[in-house]
Amino acid sequence: MDQTRFIVRFKDGRVGTETSDWVEPLDQLLQSDEVDCGWLELESPYAVDLEDLQQRFHLNEHAIADCRQFDQRAKLEGFEGHWFWVCHG
């Protein structure tokens, strides 16, 4: 499985990164009172269980559906409680 990268911004302005096989580290970090927001970077979304991500982080079903389509155009969408960003590098 591809590695998943997490970027977390703390309320005091610090930024931390971590790479893992799965999302538990980000899930644990986001529960901390010190964390302002977190970013989950998926290079190969087909390699992860997208339904688990949707349930764990309460993501919008349309954002998850967009993860399954590789031909998505670059975009930024706001949903209740989270942002969804598609970019290509």
C-alpha atoms as a PDB file:
ATOM      1  CA  MET A   1       0.000   0.000   0.000  1.00  0.00           C
ATOM      2  CA  ASP A   2       1.192   3.541  -0.712  1.00  0.00           C
ATOM      3  CA  GLN A   3       2.166   5.739   2.170  1.00  0.00           C
ATOM      4  CA  THR A   4      -0.267   8.404   3.364  1.00  0.00           C
ATOM      5  CA  ARG A   5       1.108  11.782   4.426  1.00  0.00           C
ATOM      6  CA  PHE A   6      -0.438  13.850   7.205  1.00  0.00           C
ATOM      7  CA  ILE A   7       0.145  17.534   7.791  1.00  0.00           C
ATOM      8  CA  VAL A   8      -1.161  19.028  11.024  1.00  0.00           C
ATOM      9  CA  ARG A   9      -1.254  22.693  12.048  1.00  0.00           C
ATOM     10  CA  PHE A  10      -1.214  23.319  15.768  1.00  0.00           C
ATOM     11  CA  LYS A  11      -2.977  26.277  17.397  1.00  0.00           C
ATOM     12  CA  ASP A  12       0.388  27.775  18.410  1.00  0.00           C
ATOM     13  CA  GLY A  13       1.436  27.924  14.729  1.00  0.00           C
ATOM     14  CA  ARG A  14       3.665  24.832  14.622  1.00  0.00           C
ATOM     15  CA  VAL A  15       3.270  22.437  11.705  1.00  0.00           C
ATOM     16  CA  GLY A  16       3.972  18.718  11.940  1.00  0.00           C
ATOM     17  CA  THR A  17       4.138  16.012   9.296  1.00  0.00           C
ATOM     18  CA  GLU A  18       3.999  12.241   9.502  1.00  0.00           C
ATOM     19  CA  THR A  19       3.933   9.403   7.003  1.00  0.00           C
ATOM     20  CA  SER A  20       2.081   6.191   7.735  1.00  0.00           C
ATOM     21  CA  ASP A  21       0.458   3.166   6.142  1.00  0.00           C
ATOM     22  CA  TRP A  22      -2.950   4.274   7.381  1.00  0.00           C
ATOM     23  CA  VAL A  23      -4.935   7.105   8.988  1.00  0.00           C
ATOM     24  CA  GLU A  24      -4.812   6.302  12.724  1.00  0.00           C
ATOM     25  CA  PRO A  25      -2.034   8.849  13.449  1.00  0.00           C
ATOM     26  CA  LEU A  26      -4.087  11.694  11.964  1.00  0.00           C
ATOM     27  CA  ASP A  27      -7.253  10.463  13.664  1.00  0.00           C
ATOM     28  CA  GLN A  28      -5.459  10.576  17.035  1.00  0.00           C
ATOM     29  CA  LEU A  29      -3.845  13.961  16.388  1.00  0.00           C
ATOM     30  CA  LEU A  30      -7.130  15.612  15.395  1.00  0.00           C
ATOM     31  CA  GLN A  31      -8.606  14.668  18.777  1.00  0.00           C
ATOM     32  CA  SER A  32      -5.970  16.789  20.542  1.00  0.00           C
ATOM     33  CA  ASP A  33      -7.010  20.217  21.859  1.00  0.00           C
ATOM     34  CA  GLU A  34      -3.693  21.566  20.528  1.00  0.00           C
ATOM     35  CA  VAL A  35      -4.514  20.869  16.859  1.00  0.00           C
ATOM     36  CA  ASP A  36      -6.132  23.541  14.707  1.00  0.00           C
ATOM     37  CA  CYS A  37      -6.526  21.534  11.480  1.00  0.00           C
ATOM     38  CA  GLY A  38      -5.172  18.537   9.602  1.00  0.00           C
ATOM     39  CA  TRP A  39      -4.452  17.629   6.005  1.00  0.00           C
ATOM     40  CA  LEU A  40      -4.548  14.139   4.540  1.00  0.00           C
ATOM     41  CA  GLU A  41      -2.537  13.705   1.334  1.00  0.00           C
ATOM     42  CA  LEU A  42      -3.460  10.705  -0.802  1.00  0.00           C
ATOM     43  CA  GLU A  43      -1.305  10.002  -3.818  1.00  0.00           C
ATOM     44  CA  SER A  44      -3.223   6.858  -4.739  1.00  0.00           C
ATOM     45  CA  PRO A  45      -6.756   7.115  -3.358  1.00  0.00           C
ATOM     46  CA  TYR A  46      -7.686   3.811  -4.974  1.00  0.00           C
ATOM     47  CA  ALA A  47      -5.182   2.149  -2.617  1.00  0.00           C
ATOM     48  CA  VAL A  48      -7.023   3.115   0.562  1.00  0.00           C
ATOM     49  CA  ASP A  49     -10.419   2.215   1.931  1.00  0.00           C
ATOM     50  CA  LEU A  50     -12.326   5.365   1.033  1.00  0.00           C
ATOM     51  CA  GLU A  51     -15.450   4.271   2.887  1.00  0.00           C
ATOM     52  CA  ASP A  52     -13.420   4.039   6.096  1.00  0.00           C
ATOM     53  CA  LEU A  53     -12.074   7.553   5.515  1.00  0.00           C
ATOM     54  CA  GLN A  54     -15.597   8.848   4.909  1.00  0.00           C
ATOM     55  CA  GLN A  55     -16.917   7.362   8.150  1.00  0.00           C
ATOM     56  CA  ARG A  56     -13.865   8.176  10.281  1.00  0.00           C
ATOM     57  CA  PHE A  57     -13.691  11.857   9.271  1.00  0.00           C
ATOM     58  CA  HIS A  58     -17.379  12.443   8.340  1.00  0.00           C
ATOM     59  CA  LEU A  59     -16.497  13.391   4.764  1.00  0.00           C
ATOM     60  CA  ASN A  60     -19.089  14.340   2.181  1.00  0.00           C
ATOM     61  CA  GLU A  61     -20.104  11.466  -0.104  1.00  0.00           C
ATOM     62  CA  HIS A  62     -19.495  13.618  -3.213  1.00  0.00           C
ATOM     63  CA  ALA A  63     -15.880  14.222  -2.168  1.00  0.00           C
ATOM     64  CA  ILE A  64     -15.364  10.471  -1.755  1.00  0.00           C
ATOM     65  CA  ALA A  65     -16.939   9.812  -5.171  1.00  0.00           C
ATOM     66  CA  ASP A  66     -14.551  12.370  -6.694  1.00  0.00           C
ATOM     67  CA  CYS A  67     -11.590  10.464  -5.191  1.00  0.00           C
ATOM     68  CA  ARG A  68     -12.535   7.466  -7.295  1.00  0.00           C
ATOM     69  CA  GLN A  69     -12.310   9.427 -10.564  1.00  0.00           C
ATOM     70  CA  PHE A  70      -8.721  10.081 -11.583  1.00  0.00           C
ATOM     71  CA  ASP A  71      -9.736  12.516 -14.326  1.00  0.00           C
ATOM     72  CA  GLN A  72     -10.992  15.158 -11.891  1.00  0.00           C
ATOM     73  CA  ARG A  73     -10.115  18.748 -12.703  1.00  0.00           C
ATOM     74  CA  ALA A  74      -8.249  20.749 -10.083  1.00  0.00           C
ATOM     75  CA  LYS A  75     -10.762  22.224  -7.646  1.00  0.00           C
ATOM     76  CA  LEU A  76     -11.423  23.312  -4.086  1.00  0.00           C
ATOM     77  CA  GLU A  77     -14.830  22.602  -2.546  1.00  0.00           C
ATOM     78  CA  GLY A  78     -16.105  23.528   0.895  1.00  0.00           C
ATOM     79  CA  PHE A  79     -18.338  21.108   2.788  1.00  0.00           C
ATOM     80  CA  GLU A  80     -19.682  21.283   6.319  1.00  0.00           C
ATOM     81  CA  GLY A  81     -16.705  20.622   8.597  1.00  0.00           C
ATOM     82  CA  HIS A  82     -14.070  20.106   5.884  1.00  0.00           C
ATOM     83  CA  TRP A  83     -12.572  21.231   2.582  1.00  0.00           C
ATOM     84  CA  PHE A  84     -11.928  18.953  -0.394  1.00  0.00           C
ATOM     85  CA  TRP A  85      -9.051  19.817  -2.720  1.00  0.00           C
ATOM     86  CA  VAL A  86      -8.063  18.051  -5.924  1.00  0.00           C
ATOM     87  CA  CYS A  87      -4.696  18.945  -7.410  1.00  0.00           C
ATOM     88  CA  HIS A  88      -2.285  17.255  -9.761  1.00  0.00           C
ATOM     89  CA  GLY A  89       1.480  17.461  -9.582  1.00  0.00           C
END
